[in-house]
């Protein structure tokens, strides 16, 4: 969760080396709730508040792409009541944040097995995406019912059908073909990957994209923690510029924990 220290006024003085694409694995709401003697659903409610603040922070500093891993394919295995509560929270979030996305030039996109989401959620997603389609400041990508394994299986099935139908020659399949048939086909590779729970796991997230140029930190979710991550990223880019090209650099940071 977000930091409540006096660093709430933290500002970024160097924006020349900010990441273009920030991807965040939204995790730890249940554990946070348990630590504070709250229900898991209350933890998810707090998590949605942190998400709202992070989106505003990314828009404020000029991040071009933000991907939030909000609901994975594995999350469907959670208890039915918890899944229903998460879907209701998502639906409410889409309704309440729609006006702000429009006013702040934020475009909403969704990646994942959208067909598995409840009809009401799909309808709200469609409304928000239609209203923000022309926006260009921050591209907000929600990963919903998303998993890289499922993404890869879908890509293989699609390309296999095209080969069987004679639409493409199997020998023509290369990285470009594969990338063009992923959920993430229109999204650049992430520069910075953050996991909010404190665990160092990718958890089936962007496996085809985050293997070569992602900086991985783990910090609690909140605007101050995200800004600190940006500062760390910017400093590291400056430090390594004389050693190797940015696209060839892979670093893993173990972020400092802040009080919630």
Protein backbone atom coordinates (compact mmCIF):
# COMPACT_ATOMS: atom_id res chain seq x y z
CA UNK A 1 0.00 0.00 0.00
CA UNK A 2 1.09 3.60 -0.28
CA UNK A 3 3.58 5.29 1.99
CA UNK A 4 2.29 7.81 4.50
CA UNK A 5 5.61 9.43 5.33
CA UNK A 6 6.63 13.02 4.75
CA UNK A 7 7.97 11.90 1.36
CA UNK A 8 4.43 12.40 -0.01
CA UNK A 9 5.82 15.57 -1.58
CA UNK A 10 8.50 13.67 -3.50
CA UNK A 11 9.04 15.18 -6.95
CA UNK A 12 11.05 13.93 -9.90
CA UNK A 13 13.79 16.37 -10.82
CA UNK A 14 15.16 14.29 -13.70
CA UNK A 15 12.57 13.11 -16.21
CA UNK A 16 14.99 12.49 -19.08
CA UNK A 17 15.38 8.78 -18.32
CA UNK A 18 11.89 7.81 -17.23
CA UNK A 19 10.57 4.44 -18.44
CA UNK A 20 8.27 4.48 -21.45
CA UNK A 21 6.26 1.48 -20.31
CA UNK A 22 5.68 0.60 -16.65
CA UNK A 23 4.09 -2.76 -15.83
CA UNK A 24 2.82 -3.49 -12.32
CA UNK A 25 1.81 -6.83 -10.85
CA UNK A 26 -0.97 -5.88 -8.45
CA UNK A 27 -0.44 -8.28 -5.58
CA UNK A 28 -0.54 -8.46 -1.80
CA UNK A 29 -3.97 -6.98 -1.01
CA UNK A 30 -5.05 -10.10 0.86
CA UNK A 31 -1.85 -10.31 2.91
CA UNK A 32 -2.03 -6.58 3.66
CA UNK A 33 -5.61 -6.98 4.86
CA UNK A 34 -4.66 -9.89 7.12
CA UNK A 35 -1.83 -7.87 8.67
CA UNK A 36 -4.30 -5.08 9.43
CA UNK A 37 -7.05 -7.45 10.63
CA UNK A 38 -9.34 -6.63 7.72
CA UNK A 39 -11.20 -8.86 5.28
CA UNK A 40 -9.68 -9.72 1.91
CA UNK A 41 -12.40 -7.68 0.21
CA UNK A 42 -11.43 -4.66 2.30
CA UNK A 43 -7.86 -5.24 1.19
CA UNK A 44 -8.96 -5.19 -2.44
CA UNK A 45 -10.86 -1.94 -1.80
CA UNK A 46 -7.68 -0.36 -0.45
CA UNK A 47 -5.80 -1.72 -3.42
CA UNK A 48 -8.17 0.03 -5.83
CA UNK A 49 -7.43 3.32 -4.06
CA UNK A 50 -3.71 2.74 -4.57
CA UNK A 51 -4.32 1.93 -8.25
CA UNK A 52 -6.15 5.22 -8.71
CA UNK A 53 -3.21 7.13 -7.20
CA UNK A 54 -0.64 5.26 -9.30
CA UNK A 55 -2.52 6.02 -12.53
CA UNK A 56 -2.59 9.71 -11.61
CA UNK A 57 1.12 9.65 -10.80
CA UNK A 58 2.04 8.06 -14.14
CA UNK A 59 -0.09 10.61 -15.97
CA UNK A 60 1.49 13.43 -13.95
CA UNK A 61 5.12 12.53 -14.71
CA UNK A 62 4.54 11.64 -18.36
CA UNK A 63 4.65 7.83 -18.54
CA UNK A 64 3.37 6.75 -21.97
CA UNK A 65 2.21 3.20 -21.15
CA UNK A 66 1.03 1.66 -17.88
CA UNK A 67 0.00 -2.00 -17.68
CA UNK A 68 -1.75 -3.22 -14.53
CA UNK A 69 -1.95 -6.96 -13.89
CA UNK A 70 -5.31 -6.74 -12.15
CA UNK A 71 -6.82 -10.23 -12.57
CA UNK A 72 -4.96 -13.31 -13.79
CA UNK A 73 -6.27 -16.52 -15.34
CA UNK A 74 -5.25 -18.23 -12.08
CA UNK A 75 -7.45 -15.84 -10.09
CA UNK A 76 -10.54 -17.62 -11.41
CA UNK A 77 -9.63 -20.45 -9.01
CA UNK A 78 -10.24 -18.23 -5.98
CA UNK A 79 -13.45 -18.66 -3.93
CA UNK A 80 -16.56 -17.63 -5.87
CA UNK A 81 -17.47 -14.90 -3.37
CA UNK A 82 -14.06 -13.29 -3.69
CA UNK A 83 -14.15 -13.42 -7.50
CA UNK A 84 -17.64 -11.89 -7.51
CA UNK A 85 -16.44 -9.14 -5.17
CA UNK A 86 -13.45 -8.41 -7.42
CA UNK A 87 -15.66 -8.21 -10.50
CA UNK A 88 -18.07 -5.86 -8.71
CA UNK A 89 -15.12 -3.70 -7.61
CA UNK A 90 -13.78 -3.63 -11.18
CA UNK A 91 -17.17 -2.64 -12.57
CA UNK A 92 -17.50 0.16 -10.02
CA UNK A 93 -13.95 1.35 -10.68
CA UNK A 94 -14.61 1.59 -14.42
CA UNK A 95 -17.72 3.67 -13.82
CA UNK A 96 -16.19 6.06 -11.30
CA UNK A 97 -12.91 6.61 -13.17
CA UNK A 98 -14.40 7.06 -16.64
CA UNK A 99 -14.81 10.83 -16.36
CA UNK A 100 -11.27 11.31 -15.07
CA UNK A 101 -9.80 9.20 -17.87
CA UNK A 102 -11.62 11.28 -20.46
CA UNK A 103 -10.64 14.61 -18.88
CA UNK A 104 -6.99 13.61 -18.41
CA UNK A 105 -6.45 12.24 -21.93
CA UNK A 106 -6.02 8.63 -20.72
CA UNK A 107 -6.82 5.84 -23.15
CA UNK A 108 -8.05 2.52 -21.78
CA UNK A 109 -7.11 -0.80 -23.34
CA UNK A 110 -7.68 -4.37 -22.14
CA UNK A 111 -5.61 -7.50 -22.68
CA UNK A 112 -6.60 -11.03 -21.76
CA UNK A 113 -9.44 -13.50 -22.18
CA UNK A 114 -12.10 -10.80 -22.13
CA UNK A 115 -14.82 -13.27 -23.07
CA UNK A 116 -14.52 -14.88 -19.62
CA UNK A 117 -15.43 -11.67 -17.80
CA UNK A 118 -19.04 -11.09 -16.66
CA UNK A 119 -21.27 -9.35 -19.19
CA UNK A 120 -21.69 -6.27 -17.01
CA UNK A 121 -17.92 -5.82 -16.73
CA UNK A 122 -17.47 -6.27 -20.49
CA UNK A 123 -20.11 -3.62 -21.12
CA UNK A 124 -18.40 -1.09 -18.84
CA UNK A 125 -15.04 -1.84 -20.44
CA UNK A 126 -16.51 -1.27 -23.89
CA UNK A 127 -18.00 2.07 -22.83
CA UNK A 128 -14.73 3.30 -21.34
CA UNK A 129 -12.64 2.14 -24.28
CA UNK A 130 -14.99 3.80 -26.76
CA UNK A 131 -15.01 7.09 -24.86
CA UNK A 132 -11.21 7.18 -24.50
CA UNK A 133 -10.28 5.80 -27.91
CA UNK A 134 -8.92 9.13 -29.18
CA UNK A 135 -6.93 9.93 -26.03
CA UNK A 136 -3.15 9.92 -26.33
CA UNK A 137 -1.38 10.99 -23.12
CA UNK A 138 -1.29 7.81 -21.03
CA UNK A 139 -2.15 4.42 -22.50
CA UNK A 140 -3.63 2.41 -19.62
CA UNK A 141 -3.64 -1.33 -20.28
CA UNK A 142 -5.64 -3.49 -17.87
CA UNK A 143 -4.60 -7.15 -17.87
CA UNK A 144 -7.85 -8.93 -17.01
CA UNK A 145 -8.28 -12.68 -17.10
CA UNK A 146 -4.75 -12.56 -18.46
CA UNK A 147 -1.98 -15.13 -18.35
CA UNK A 148 1.03 -15.50 -20.61
CA UNK A 149 0.60 -19.25 -20.95
CA UNK A 150 -2.95 -18.80 -22.20
CA UNK A 151 -1.72 -16.00 -24.46
CA UNK A 152 0.93 -18.28 -25.98
CA UNK A 153 -1.54 -21.16 -26.46
CA UNK A 154 -3.97 -18.81 -28.22
CA UNK A 155 -1.18 -17.53 -30.48
CA UNK A 156 -0.09 -21.07 -31.42
CA UNK A 157 -3.67 -22.13 -32.15
CA UNK A 158 -4.30 -19.06 -34.33
CA UNK A 159 -1.10 -19.48 -36.33
CA UNK A 160 -1.70 -23.24 -36.68
CA UNK A 161 -5.16 -22.61 -38.18
CA UNK A 162 -3.71 -20.09 -40.61
CA UNK A 163 -1.09 -22.60 -41.69
CA UNK A 164 -3.67 -25.36 -42.17
CA UNK A 165 -5.86 -23.00 -44.18
CA UNK A 166 -2.92 -22.06 -46.37
CA UNK A 167 -3.02 -18.40 -45.31
CA UNK A 168 0.64 -18.44 -44.30
CA UNK A 169 3.69 -20.62 -44.92
CA UNK A 170 5.03 -22.13 -41.65
CA UNK A 171 8.53 -21.12 -42.78
CA UNK A 172 7.43 -17.48 -42.73
CA UNK A 173 6.64 -17.52 -39.02
CA UNK A 174 9.16 -15.40 -37.15
CA UNK A 175 9.23 -13.16 -34.08
CA UNK A 176 7.15 -10.53 -35.86
CA UNK A 177 4.38 -13.04 -36.68
CA UNK A 178 4.36 -14.27 -33.11
CA UNK A 179 4.29 -10.76 -31.63
CA UNK A 180 1.43 -9.77 -33.95
CA UNK A 181 -0.73 -12.61 -32.60
CA UNK A 182 -0.32 -11.90 -28.88
CA UNK A 183 -2.74 -9.98 -26.67
CA UNK A 184 0.07 -7.44 -26.26
CA UNK A 185 0.71 -6.92 -29.98
CA UNK A 186 0.24 -3.14 -29.89
CA UNK A 187 2.10 -2.54 -26.62
CA UNK A 188 5.86 -1.86 -26.37
CA UNK A 189 8.08 -4.02 -24.16
CA UNK A 190 8.07 -2.80 -20.55
CA UNK A 191 11.11 -0.92 -19.26
CA UNK A 192 10.15 -1.21 -15.61
CA UNK A 193 8.34 -4.08 -13.91
CA UNK A 194 7.10 -3.63 -10.34
CA UNK A 195 5.52 -6.21 -8.08
CA UNK A 196 3.71 -4.70 -5.12
CA UNK A 197 3.67 -7.58 -2.66
CA UNK A 198 7.39 -7.84 -1.94
CA UNK A 199 7.75 -11.18 -3.73
CA UNK A 200 10.17 -11.64 -6.63
CA UNK A 201 7.98 -13.63 -9.03
CA UNK A 202 6.75 -12.90 -12.56
CA UNK A 203 3.56 -14.93 -12.04
CA UNK A 204 2.76 -15.72 -15.67
CA UNK A 205 2.86 -12.03 -16.65
CA UNK A 206 4.19 -10.68 -19.97
CA UNK A 207 6.53 -13.63 -20.42
CA UNK A 208 6.99 -12.82 -24.10
CA UNK A 209 7.83 -9.20 -23.41
CA UNK A 210 9.73 -8.64 -20.19
CA UNK A 211 12.78 -10.85 -20.65
CA UNK A 212 15.39 -8.47 -22.06
CA UNK A 213 14.97 -4.90 -20.93
CA UNK A 214 12.94 -4.82 -17.74
CA UNK A 215 14.05 -3.44 -14.43
CA UNK A 216 12.35 -5.37 -11.66
CA UNK A 217 11.69 -3.84 -8.26
CA UNK A 218 9.37 -4.85 -5.50
CA UNK A 219 7.74 -2.11 -3.48
CA UNK A 220 4.39 -1.47 -1.81
CA UNK A 221 1.86 0.04 -4.22
CA UNK A 222 1.38 3.78 -4.05
CA UNK A 223 2.38 7.03 -5.76
CA UNK A 224 5.43 7.65 -3.55
CA UNK A 225 6.76 4.13 -3.99
CA UNK A 226 6.22 4.37 -7.74
CA UNK A 227 8.03 7.71 -7.90
CA UNK A 228 10.93 6.21 -5.93
CA UNK A 229 11.00 3.36 -8.44
CA UNK A 230 11.16 5.87 -11.28
CA UNK A 231 14.03 7.65 -9.53
CA UNK A 232 15.92 4.37 -9.12
CA UNK A 233 15.28 3.49 -12.76
CA UNK A 234 16.45 6.90 -13.98
CA UNK A 235 19.63 6.76 -11.88
CA UNK A 236 20.48 3.26 -13.07
CA UNK A 237 19.98 4.19 -16.71
CA UNK A 238 22.41 7.08 -16.23
CA UNK A 239 24.91 4.77 -14.51
CA UNK A 240 24.88 2.11 -17.25
CA UNK A 241 24.76 4.34 -20.32
CA UNK A 242 28.52 4.30 -20.59
CA UNK A 243 28.67 0.52 -20.17
CA UNK A 244 26.03 -0.92 -22.49
CA UNK A 245 23.01 0.02 -24.52
CA UNK A 246 19.71 0.30 -22.70
CA UNK A 247 18.14 -2.54 -24.68
CA UNK A 248 20.97 -4.85 -23.58
CA UNK A 249 20.71 -4.03 -19.89
CA UNK A 250 18.88 -6.22 -17.44
CA UNK A 251 18.89 -5.35 -13.75
CA UNK A 252 16.97 -6.62 -10.76
CA UNK A 253 16.56 -4.37 -7.75
CA UNK A 254 15.33 -5.34 -4.33
CA UNK A 255 13.34 -2.27 -3.34
CA UNK A 256 13.14 -0.76 0.10
CA UNK A 257 10.00 -1.44 2.08
CA UNK A 258 8.03 1.56 3.27
CA UNK A 259 5.47 1.72 6.03
CA UNK A 260 1.85 1.60 4.93
